[in-house]
Amino acid sequence: MLKQRIITAGVLAPMTIAAIFLLPLKLFSLLVAAIFLLASREWGSLVSREKRAYILYPFGLVLGASLIAIPVEGIWLSQINQYVLGMLSAGGLWWLCCLGLVLTFPKSAKLWQGQAWLKGLFGLLTLMPFFWSLITLRSVNFYHDPQQGAWLVLFVMLLVWGADTGAYFTGKSLGKHKLAPKVSPGKTIEGFAGGLVSTVIIAIVAMYGLAIEADKQLLFIVAAVITSLASSLGDLSESMFKRQAGIKDSGTLLPGHGGVLDRIDSLTAALPVFTLCYIAWL
């Protein structure tokens, strides 16, 4: 399993980085839309295994309607597009609600486990802000410095990957106390702490690499820590929904990793949260 994970990651990582830096904004948006649709189909497994394919239609319609309403190349024209800001704010509120669901699981499951429409809504609140935060962050200052947004996207991904790696190895070597045993029994408090330490190290290095202004450096570190905490919540929330659905992985598309949703679960929370912090503070 570990060998498969390494091989898959070794293939996906350079392809992802190349797409972030080399694709024109419209093609990049189409790629992210494809990821959105694949993840949507997998979310259908969390709603109903028998009807999982059908969830593509409402999710695709909502995405298509948003793309008609919001021009991809006009997100940052004079100021942030208000529809995008509303979408990201809804995502931020959703993750605050999701924190409550995770902390009170399995009691909280009584509210939604038998409600297919509600689980579908949870999926939209997870994936739509993810889509638009990724496009918004990639398009930062696009017409003056096309690579600035790409570096910001890569930074968030490195935060998530670094936190995951730090948490994995710290948890394996030192982990004794369970973080959320009712949601994800394998995660430990020691691993969580190791992930946060990795986050701070990555943020300090990136702070100088991205030439963050001195008066905003502390805010940048705080934004990185909040983003890392959000990424853990994204991971735990998918684990919660999978546990309720009785499945181990959301799909089988990525050997050693499961499905697309398994691979982006942390990013679905990290990207909207960091983008909101960027808009508000940076």
C-alpha atoms as a PDB file:
ATOM      1  CA  MET A   1       0.000   0.000   0.000  1.00  0.00           C
ATOM      2  CA  LEU A   2       2.760   2.464   0.947  1.00  0.00           C
ATOM      3  CA  LYS A   3       4.637   1.672  -2.274  1.00  0.00           C
ATOM      4  CA  GLN A   4       1.500   2.340  -4.320  1.00  0.00           C
ATOM      5  CA  ARG A   5       0.946   5.633  -2.484  1.00  0.00           C
ATOM      6  CA  ILE A   6       4.497   6.759  -3.208  1.00  0.00           C
ATOM      7  CA  ILE A   7       4.299   5.814  -6.893  1.00  0.00           C
ATOM      8  CA  THR A   8       0.928   7.528  -7.366  1.00  0.00           C
ATOM      9  CA  ALA A   9       2.111  10.630  -5.505  1.00  0.00           C
ATOM     10  CA  GLY A  10       5.318  10.645  -7.575  1.00  0.00           C
ATOM     11  CA  VAL A  11       3.236  10.797 -10.747  1.00  0.00           C
ATOM     12  CA  LEU A  12       0.531  13.179  -9.537  1.00  0.00           C
ATOM     13  CA  ALA A  13       2.735  15.768  -7.824  1.00  0.00           C
ATOM     14  CA  PRO A  14       4.750  16.901 -10.885  1.00  0.00           C
ATOM     15  CA  MET A  15       1.629  16.800 -13.081  1.00  0.00           C
ATOM     16  CA  THR A  16      -0.228  18.969 -10.570  1.00  0.00           C
ATOM     17  CA  ILE A  17       2.602  21.486 -10.288  1.00  0.00           C
ATOM     18  CA  ALA A  18       2.964  21.663 -14.076  1.00  0.00           C
ATOM     19  CA  ALA A  19      -0.785  22.302 -14.452  1.00  0.00           C
ATOM     20  CA  ILE A  20      -0.724  25.068 -11.835  1.00  0.00           C
ATOM     21  CA  PHE A  21       2.161  26.937 -13.446  1.00  0.00           C
ATOM     22  CA  LEU A  22       1.809  26.199 -17.160  1.00  0.00           C
ATOM     23  CA  LEU A  23      -1.886  26.010 -18.018  1.00  0.00           C
ATOM     24  CA  PRO A  24      -3.714  29.170 -19.139  1.00  0.00           C
ATOM     25  CA  LEU A  25      -6.385  30.243 -16.679  1.00  0.00           C
ATOM     26  CA  LYS A  26      -9.316  28.931 -18.748  1.00  0.00           C
ATOM     27  CA  LEU A  27      -7.713  25.518 -19.284  1.00  0.00           C
ATOM     28  CA  PHE A  28      -6.774  25.381 -15.625  1.00  0.00           C
ATOM     29  CA  SER A  29     -10.424  26.107 -14.769  1.00  0.00           C
ATOM     30  CA  LEU A  30     -11.559  23.263 -17.031  1.00  0.00           C
ATOM     31  CA  LEU A  31      -9.128  20.896 -15.303  1.00  0.00           C
ATOM     32  CA  VAL A  32     -10.406  21.913 -11.863  1.00  0.00           C
ATOM     33  CA  ALA A  33     -13.985  21.513 -13.139  1.00  0.00           C
ATOM     34  CA  ALA A  34     -13.135  17.934 -14.159  1.00  0.00           C
ATOM     35  CA  ILE A  35     -11.745  17.280 -10.668  1.00  0.00           C
ATOM     36  CA  PHE A  36     -14.918  18.801  -9.213  1.00  0.00           C
ATOM     37  CA  LEU A  37     -17.104  16.426 -11.255  1.00  0.00           C
ATOM     38  CA  LEU A  38     -15.037  13.359 -10.332  1.00  0.00           C
ATOM     39  CA  ALA A  39     -15.212  14.313  -6.677  1.00  0.00           C
ATOM     40  CA  SER A  40     -18.950  14.976  -7.021  1.00  0.00           C
ATOM     41  CA  ARG A  41     -19.550  11.457  -8.303  1.00  0.00           C
ATOM     42  CA  GLU A  42     -17.601  10.063  -5.366  1.00  0.00           C
ATOM     43  CA  TRP A  43     -19.591  12.227  -2.968  1.00  0.00           C
ATOM     44  CA  GLY A  44     -22.609  10.400  -4.342  1.00  0.00           C
ATOM     45  CA  SER A  45     -21.266   7.276  -2.601  1.00  0.00           C
ATOM     46  CA  LEU A  46     -21.568   9.138   0.690  1.00  0.00           C
ATOM     47  CA  VAL A  47     -25.164  10.039  -0.105  1.00  0.00           C
ATOM     48  CA  SER A  48     -26.453   6.788  -1.622  1.00  0.00           C
ATOM     49  CA  ARG A  49     -24.420   3.951  -3.135  1.00  0.00           C
ATOM     50  CA  GLU A  50     -27.294   2.966  -5.419  1.00  0.00           C
ATOM     51  CA  LYS A  51     -27.803   6.457  -6.875  1.00  0.00           C
ATOM     52  CA  ARG A  52     -24.295   7.864  -6.650  1.00  0.00           C
ATOM     53  CA  ALA A  53     -23.986   8.577 -10.399  1.00  0.00           C
ATOM     54  CA  TYR A  54     -27.081  10.771 -10.389  1.00  0.00           C
ATOM     55  CA  ILE A  55     -25.561  13.372  -8.117  1.00  0.00           C
ATOM     56  CA  LEU A  56     -23.394  14.477 -11.042  1.00  0.00           C
ATOM     57  CA  TYR A  57     -26.386  16.182 -12.645  1.00  0.00           C
ATOM     58  CA  PRO A  58     -27.351  18.659  -9.905  1.00  0.00           C
ATOM     59  CA  PHE A  59     -23.712  19.287  -8.980  1.00  0.00           C
ATOM     60  CA  GLY A  60     -22.798  19.854 -12.634  1.00  0.00           C
ATOM     61  CA  LEU A  61     -25.756  22.198 -13.132  1.00  0.00           C
ATOM     62  CA  VAL A  62     -24.803  24.288 -10.095  1.00  0.00           C
ATOM     63  CA  LEU A  63     -21.189  24.500 -11.256  1.00  0.00           C
ATOM     64  CA  GLY A  64     -22.256  25.419 -14.780  1.00  0.00           C
ATOM     65  CA  ALA A  65     -24.625  28.124 -13.531  1.00  0.00           C
ATOM     66  CA  SER A  66     -21.868  29.624 -11.383  1.00  0.00           C
ATOM     67  CA  LEU A  67     -19.468  29.687 -14.338  1.00  0.00           C
ATOM     68  CA  ILE A  68     -22.068  31.572 -16.371  1.00  0.00           C
ATOM     69  CA  ALA A  69     -22.630  34.077 -13.549  1.00  0.00           C
ATOM     70  CA  ILE A  70     -18.953  34.536 -12.676  1.00  0.00           C
ATOM     71  CA  PRO A  71     -16.376  35.225 -15.416  1.00  0.00           C
ATOM     72  CA  VAL A  72     -13.222  33.265 -14.574  1.00  0.00           C
ATOM     73  CA  GLU A  73     -10.982  35.998 -15.943  1.00  0.00           C
ATOM     74  CA  GLY A  74     -12.825  38.776 -14.127  1.00  0.00           C
ATOM     75  CA  ILE A  75     -12.652  37.652 -10.516  1.00  0.00           C
ATOM     76  CA  TRP A  76     -10.192  40.387  -9.515  1.00  0.00           C
ATOM     77  CA  LEU A  77     -11.079  43.183 -11.998  1.00  0.00           C
ATOM     78  CA  SER A  78     -11.466  46.159  -9.624  1.00  0.00           C
ATOM     79  CA  GLN A  79     -12.113  44.219  -6.446  1.00  0.00           C
ATOM     80  CA  ILE A  80     -12.973  40.646  -5.582  1.00  0.00           C
ATOM     81  CA  ASN A  81     -16.143  39.487  -7.366  1.00  0.00           C
ATOM     82  CA  GLN A  82     -18.975  39.647  -4.832  1.00  0.00           C
ATOM     83  CA  TYR A  83     -20.479  36.329  -5.951  1.00  0.00           C
ATOM     84  CA  VAL A  84     -17.130  34.652  -5.386  1.00  0.00           C
ATOM     85  CA  LEU A  85     -16.777  36.339  -2.007  1.00  0.00           C
ATOM     86  CA  GLY A  86     -20.255  35.111  -1.089  1.00  0.00           C
ATOM     87  CA  MET A  87     -19.343  31.584  -2.196  1.00  0.00           C
ATOM     88  CA  LEU A  88     -16.145  31.605  -0.151  1.00  0.00           C
ATOM     89  CA  SER A  89     -17.925  33.054   2.889  1.00  0.00           C
ATOM     90  CA  ALA A  90     -20.543  30.300   2.651  1.00  0.00           C
ATOM     91  CA  GLY A  91     -17.672  27.817   2.591  1.00  0.00           C
ATOM     92  CA  GLY A  92     -16.130  29.383   5.692  1.00  0.00           C
ATOM     93  CA  LEU A  93     -19.446  29.175   7.556  1.00  0.00           C
ATOM     94  CA  TRP A  94     -19.900  25.577   6.415  1.00  0.00           C
ATOM     95  CA  TRP A  95     -16.552  24.549   7.884  1.00  0.00           C
ATOM     96  CA  LEU A  96     -17.453  26.161  11.193  1.00  0.00           C
ATOM     97  CA  CYS A  97     -20.676  24.132  11.183  1.00  0.00           C
ATOM     98  CA  CYS A  98     -18.741  21.044  10.120  1.00  0.00           C
ATOM     99  CA  LEU A  99     -16.427  21.475  13.094  1.00  0.00           C
ATOM    100  CA  GLY A 100     -19.469  21.151  15.322  1.00  0.00           C
ATOM    101  CA  LEU A 101     -20.630  18.038  13.445  1.00  0.00           C
ATOM    102  CA  VAL A 102     -17.216  16.392  13.797  1.00  0.00           C
ATOM    103  CA  LEU A 103     -16.813  17.239  17.482  1.00  0.00           C
ATOM    104  CA  THR A 104     -20.255  15.836  18.334  1.00  0.00           C
ATOM    105  CA  PHE A 105     -20.142  12.773  16.059  1.00  0.00           C
ATOM    106  CA  PRO A 106     -21.819  10.239  16.183  1.00  0.00           C
ATOM    107  CA  LYS A 107     -24.652  12.124  17.906  1.00  0.00           C
ATOM    108  CA  SER A 108     -24.657  14.745  15.144  1.00  0.00           C
ATOM    109  CA  ALA A 109     -25.207  12.019  12.533  1.00  0.00           C
ATOM    110  CA  LYS A 110     -28.801  11.674  13.733  1.00  0.00           C
ATOM    111  CA  LEU A 111     -29.491  15.041  12.120  1.00  0.00           C
ATOM    112  CA  TRP A 112     -28.344  14.102   8.621  1.00  0.00           C
ATOM    113  CA  GLN A 113     -27.659  10.378   8.141  1.00  0.00           C
ATOM    114  CA  GLY A 114     -31.129   9.631   6.741  1.00  0.00           C
ATOM    115  CA  GLN A 115     -31.430  12.864   4.728  1.00  0.00           C
ATOM    116  CA  ALA A 116     -30.032  12.393   1.212  1.00  0.00           C
ATOM    117  CA  TRP A 117     -30.807  15.977   0.207  1.00  0.00           C
ATOM    118  CA  LEU A 118     -28.944  17.307   3.247  1.00  0.00           C
ATOM    119  CA  LYS A 119     -25.863  15.195   2.536  1.00  0.00           C
ATOM    120  CA  GLY A 120     -26.023  16.427  -1.049  1.00  0.00           C
ATOM    121  CA  LEU A 121     -26.113  20.017   0.211  1.00  0.00           C
ATOM    122  CA  PHE A 122     -23.096  19.267   2.412  1.00  0.00           C
ATOM    123  CA  GLY A 123     -21.313  18.093  -0.729  1.00  0.00           C
ATOM    124  CA  LEU A 124     -22.054  21.331  -2.579  1.00  0.00           C
ATOM    125  CA  LEU A 125     -20.895  23.387   0.402  1.00  0.00           C
ATOM    126  CA  THR A 126     -17.678  21.357   0.407  1.00  0.00           C
ATOM    127  CA  LEU A 127     -16.888  21.298  -3.315  1.00  0.00           C
ATOM    128  CA  MET A 128     -18.189  24.625  -4.688  1.00  0.00           C
ATOM    129  CA  PRO A 129     -16.041  26.830  -2.381  1.00  0.00           C
ATOM    130  CA  PHE A 130     -13.111  24.491  -3.111  1.00  0.00           C
ATOM    131  CA  PHE A 131     -13.528  25.050  -6.858  1.00  0.00           C
ATOM    132  CA  TRP A 132     -13.859  28.826  -6.645  1.00  0.00           C
ATOM    133  CA  SER A 133     -11.147  29.308  -4.038  1.00  0.00           C
ATOM    134  CA  LEU A 134      -8.681  27.418  -6.227  1.00  0.00           C
ATOM    135  CA  ILE A 135      -9.568  29.532  -9.285  1.00  0.00           C
ATOM    136  CA  THR A 136      -9.581  32.739  -7.226  1.00  0.00           C
ATOM    137  CA  LEU A 137      -6.186  32.085  -5.681  1.00  0.00           C
ATOM    138  CA  ARG A 138      -4.663  31.051  -9.015  1.00  0.00           C
ATOM    139  CA  SER A 139      -5.875  34.247 -10.673  1.00  0.00           C
ATOM    140  CA  VAL A 140      -4.403  36.637  -8.081  1.00  0.00           C
ATOM    141  CA  ASN A 141      -2.685  39.515  -9.940  1.00  0.00           C
ATOM    142  CA  PHE A 142      -2.870  37.324 -13.050  1.00  0.00           C
ATOM    143  CA  TYR A 143      -2.457  40.061 -15.669  1.00  0.00           C
ATOM    144  CA  HIS A 144       0.565  41.679 -14.004  1.00  0.00           C
ATOM    145  CA  ASP A 145       2.351  38.628 -12.617  1.00  0.00           C
ATOM    146  CA  PRO A 146       0.792  35.382 -13.927  1.00  0.00           C
ATOM    147  CA  GLN A 147       2.882  33.255 -11.560  1.00  0.00           C
ATOM    148  CA  GLN A 148       1.989  34.998  -8.281  1.00  0.00           C
ATOM    149  CA  GLY A 149      -1.260  33.079  -7.871  1.00  0.00           C
ATOM    150  CA  ALA A 150       0.425  29.833  -8.889  1.00  0.00           C
ATOM    151  CA  TRP A 151       2.933  30.214  -6.058  1.00  0.00           C
ATOM    152  CA  LEU A 152       0.106  30.877  -3.596  1.00  0.00           C
ATOM    153  CA  VAL A 153      -1.742  27.729  -4.703  1.00  0.00           C
ATOM    154  CA  LEU A 154       1.454  25.708  -4.439  1.00  0.00           C
ATOM    155  CA  PHE A 155       2.071  27.144  -0.971  1.00  0.00           C
ATOM    156  CA  VAL A 156      -1.332  25.942   0.278  1.00  0.00           C
ATOM    157  CA  MET A 157      -0.741  22.519  -1.239  1.00  0.00           C
ATOM    158  CA  LEU A 158       2.707  22.308   0.366  1.00  0.00           C
ATOM    159  CA  LEU A 159       1.140  23.287   3.694  1.00  0.00           C
ATOM    160  CA  VAL A 160      -1.354  20.433   3.398  1.00  0.00           C
ATOM    161  CA  TRP A 161       1.199  17.897   2.148  1.00  0.00           C
ATOM    162  CA  GLY A 162       3.739  18.987   4.766  1.00  0.00           C
ATOM    163  CA  ALA A 163       1.192  18.826   7.589  1.00  0.00           C
ATOM    164  CA  ASP A 164       0.044  15.382   6.416  1.00  0.00           C
ATOM    165  CA  THR A 165       3.628  14.117   6.231  1.00  0.00           C
ATOM    166  CA  GLY A 166       4.609  15.606   9.590  1.00  0.00           C
ATOM    167  CA  ALA A 167       1.476  14.213  11.216  1.00  0.00           C
ATOM    168  CA  TYR A 168       2.016  10.757   9.672  1.00  0.00           C
ATOM    169  CA  PHE A 169       5.609  10.274  10.809  1.00  0.00           C
ATOM    170  CA  THR A 170       5.138  11.945  14.194  1.00  0.00           C
ATOM    171  CA  GLY A 171       2.013   9.891  14.806  1.00  0.00           C
ATOM    172  CA  LYS A 172       3.763   6.674  13.801  1.00  0.00           C
ATOM    173  CA  SER A 173       6.733   7.270  16.080  1.00  0.00           C
ATOM    174  CA  LEU A 174       5.184   9.119  19.038  1.00  0.00           C
ATOM    175  CA  GLY A 175       1.408   8.794  18.733  1.00  0.00           C
ATOM    176  CA  LYS A 176      -0.328   7.516  21.869  1.00  0.00           C
ATOM    177  CA  HIS A 177      -3.379   9.719  22.419  1.00  0.00           C
ATOM    178  CA  LYS A 178      -6.270   9.548  19.944  1.00  0.00           C
ATOM    179  CA  LEU A 179      -7.350  12.827  18.354  1.00  0.00           C
ATOM    180  CA  ALA A 180     -10.897  11.904  17.289  1.00  0.00           C
ATOM    181  CA  PRO A 181     -11.369   8.168  17.878  1.00  0.00           C
ATOM    182  CA  LYS A 182     -15.057   8.154  16.922  1.00  0.00           C
ATOM    183  CA  VAL A 183     -14.328   9.765  13.558  1.00  0.00           C
ATOM    184  CA  SER A 184     -10.838   8.610  12.549  1.00  0.00           C
ATOM    185  CA  PRO A 185      -9.223   6.176  15.031  1.00  0.00           C
ATOM    186  CA  GLY A 186      -5.796   6.311  13.354  1.00  0.00           C
ATOM    187  CA  LYS A 187      -5.146  10.002  14.045  1.00  0.00           C
ATOM    188  CA  THR A 188      -3.351  11.064  17.221  1.00  0.00           C
ATOM    189  CA  ILE A 189      -2.801  14.294  19.138  1.00  0.00           C
ATOM    190  CA  GLU A 190       0.968  13.832  18.770  1.00  0.00           C
ATOM    191  CA  GLY A 191       0.587  13.501  14.999  1.00  0.00           C
ATOM    192  CA  PHE A 192      -1.610  16.596  14.923  1.00  0.00           C
ATOM    193  CA  ALA A 193       1.080  18.553  16.807  1.00  0.00           C
ATOM    194  CA  GLY A 194       3.747  17.275  14.413  1.00  0.00           C
ATOM    195  CA  GLY A 195       1.665  18.516  11.506  1.00  0.00           C
ATOM    196  CA  LEU A 196       1.388  21.984  13.050  1.00  0.00           C
ATOM    197  CA  VAL A 197       5.161  22.174  13.568  1.00  0.00           C
ATOM    198  CA  SER A 198       5.668  21.253   9.902  1.00  0.00           C
ATOM    199  CA  THR A 199       3.166  23.956   8.957  1.00  0.00           C
ATOM    200  CA  VAL A 200       5.028  26.681  10.822  1.00  0.00           C
ATOM    201  CA  ILE A 201       8.375  25.656   9.285  1.00  0.00           C
ATOM    202  CA  ILE A 202       6.917  25.680   5.754  1.00  0.00           C
ATOM    203  CA  ALA A 203       5.204  29.029   6.387  1.00  0.00           C
ATOM    204  CA  ILE A 204       8.416  30.675   7.625  1.00  0.00           C
ATOM    205  CA  VAL A 205      10.342  29.497   4.561  1.00  0.00           C
ATOM    206  CA  ALA A 206       7.518  30.548   2.208  1.00  0.00           C
ATOM    207  CA  MET A 207       7.190  33.917   3.935  1.00  0.00           C
ATOM    208  CA  TYR A 208      10.609  34.919   2.656  1.00  0.00           C
ATOM    209  CA  GLY A 209      10.250  33.138  -0.670  1.00  0.00           C
ATOM    210  CA  LEU A 210       7.006  35.010  -1.387  1.00  0.00           C
ATOM    211  CA  ALA A 211       8.480  38.289  -0.094  1.00  0.00           C
ATOM    212  CA  ILE A 212       5.669  38.917   2.371  1.00  0.00           C
ATOM    213  CA  GLU A 213       5.832  42.465   3.733  1.00  0.00           C
ATOM    214  CA  ALA A 214       7.219  42.802   7.260  1.00  0.00           C
ATOM    215  CA  ASP A 215       3.989  44.188   8.726  1.00  0.00           C
ATOM    216  CA  LYS A 216       2.043  41.193   7.372  1.00  0.00           C
ATOM    217  CA  GLN A 217       4.433  38.387   8.248  1.00  0.00           C
ATOM    218  CA  LEU A 218       2.739  37.512  11.541  1.00  0.00           C
ATOM    219  CA  LEU A 219      -0.655  37.474   9.803  1.00  0.00           C
ATOM    220  CA  PHE A 220       0.822  35.179   7.162  1.00  0.00           C
ATOM    221  CA  ILE A 221       1.987  32.700   9.825  1.00  0.00           C
ATOM    222  CA  VAL A 222      -1.401  32.861  11.557  1.00  0.00           C
ATOM    223  CA  ALA A 223      -3.176  32.303   8.224  1.00  0.00           C
ATOM    224  CA  ALA A 224      -0.942  29.277   7.595  1.00  0.00           C
ATOM    225  CA  VAL A 225      -1.747  27.771  11.009  1.00  0.00           C
ATOM    226  CA  ILE A 226      -5.494  28.363  10.548  1.00  0.00           C
ATOM    227  CA  THR A 227      -5.249  26.804   7.080  1.00  0.00           C
ATOM    228  CA  SER A 228      -3.475  23.765   8.507  1.00  0.00           C
ATOM    229  CA  LEU A 229      -6.173  23.380  11.178  1.00  0.00           C
ATOM    230  CA  ALA A 230      -8.817  23.632   8.447  1.00  0.00           C
ATOM    231  CA  SER A 231      -7.048  20.961   6.395  1.00  0.00           C
ATOM    232  CA  SER A 232      -7.253  18.578   9.356  1.00  0.00           C
ATOM    233  CA  LEU A 233     -10.962  19.353   9.631  1.00  0.00           C
ATOM    234  CA  GLY A 234     -11.442  18.606   5.934  1.00  0.00           C
ATOM    235  CA  ASP A 235      -9.787  15.219   6.409  1.00  0.00           C
ATOM    236  CA  LEU A 236     -11.827  14.431   9.521  1.00  0.00           C
ATOM    237  CA  SER A 237     -15.112  15.500   7.937  1.00  0.00           C
ATOM    238  CA  GLU A 238     -14.690  13.147   4.991  1.00  0.00           C
ATOM    239  CA  SER A 239     -13.756  10.363   7.413  1.00  0.00           C
ATOM    240  CA  MET A 240     -16.969  11.107   9.317  1.00  0.00           C
ATOM    241  CA  PHE A 241     -19.142  10.894   6.203  1.00  0.00           C
ATOM    242  CA  LYS A 242     -17.376   7.736   5.005  1.00  0.00           C
ATOM    243  CA  ARG A 243     -17.794   6.099   8.401  1.00  0.00           C
ATOM    244  CA  GLN A 244     -21.514   6.840   8.351  1.00  0.00           C
ATOM    245  CA  ALA A 245     -21.771   5.498   4.787  1.00  0.00           C
ATOM    246  CA  GLY A 246     -19.848   2.339   5.721  1.00  0.00           C
ATOM    247  CA  ILE A 247     -17.067   2.756   3.148  1.00  0.00           C
ATOM    248  CA  LYS A 248     -13.282   2.929   3.517  1.00  0.00           C
ATOM    249  CA  ASP A 249     -12.430   4.949   0.400  1.00  0.00           C
ATOM    250  CA  SER A 250     -14.532   7.326  -1.683  1.00  0.00           C
ATOM    251  CA  GLY A 251     -13.301   5.645  -4.888  1.00  0.00           C
ATOM    252  CA  THR A 252     -10.586   3.554  -6.511  1.00  0.00           C
ATOM    253  CA  LEU A 253      -9.265   5.899  -9.193  1.00  0.00           C
ATOM    254  CA  LEU A 254      -5.916   6.601  -7.483  1.00  0.00           C
ATOM    255  CA  PRO A 255      -3.995   3.442  -6.452  1.00  0.00           C
ATOM    256  CA  GLY A 256      -2.899   3.619  -2.834  1.00  0.00           C
ATOM    257  CA  HIS A 257      -4.927   6.772  -2.206  1.00  0.00           C
ATOM    258  CA  GLY A 258      -8.495   5.705  -2.953  1.00  0.00           C
ATOM    259  CA  GLY A 259     -10.553   8.233  -4.868  1.00  0.00           C
ATOM    260  CA  VAL A 260     -10.171  11.855  -5.929  1.00  0.00           C
ATOM    261  CA  LEU A 261     -12.155  12.977  -2.900  1.00  0.00           C
ATOM    262  CA  ASP A 262      -9.759  11.091  -0.628  1.00  0.00           C
ATOM    263  CA  ARG A 263      -6.876  12.989  -2.196  1.00  0.00           C
ATOM    264  CA  ILE A 264      -8.416  16.487  -2.001  1.00  0.00           C
ATOM    265  CA  ASP A 265     -10.367  16.200   1.279  1.00  0.00           C
ATOM    266  CA  SER A 266      -7.887  18.384   3.197  1.00  0.00           C
ATOM    267  CA  LEU A 267      -7.730  20.921   0.360  1.00  0.00           C
ATOM    268  CA  THR A 268     -11.514  21.323   0.251  1.00  0.00           C
ATOM    269  CA  ALA A 269     -11.253  23.117   3.595  1.00  0.00           C
ATOM    270  CA  ALA A 270      -7.717  24.536   3.395  1.00  0.00           C
ATOM    271  CA  LEU A 271      -8.127  26.425   0.113  1.00  0.00           C
ATOM    272  CA  PRO A 272     -11.321  28.375   0.963  1.00  0.00           C
ATOM    273  CA  VAL A 273      -9.997  29.236   4.429  1.00  0.00           C
ATOM    274  CA  PHE A 274      -6.619  30.466   3.150  1.00  0.00           C
ATOM    275  CA  THR A 275      -8.282  32.415   0.324  1.00  0.00           C
ATOM    276  CA  LEU A 276     -10.559  34.182   2.820  1.00  0.00           C
ATOM    277  CA  CYS A 277      -7.526  35.004   4.981  1.00  0.00           C
ATOM    278  CA  TYR A 278      -5.680  36.304   1.902  1.00  0.00           C
ATOM    279  CA  ILE A 279      -8.579  38.557   0.910  1.00  0.00           C
ATOM    280  CA  ALA A 280      -9.044  39.883   4.450  1.00  0.00           C
ATOM    281  CA  TRP A 281      -5.441  40.208   5.641  1.00  0.00           C
ATOM    282  CA  LEU A 282      -2.873  39.877   2.885  1.00  0.00           C
END
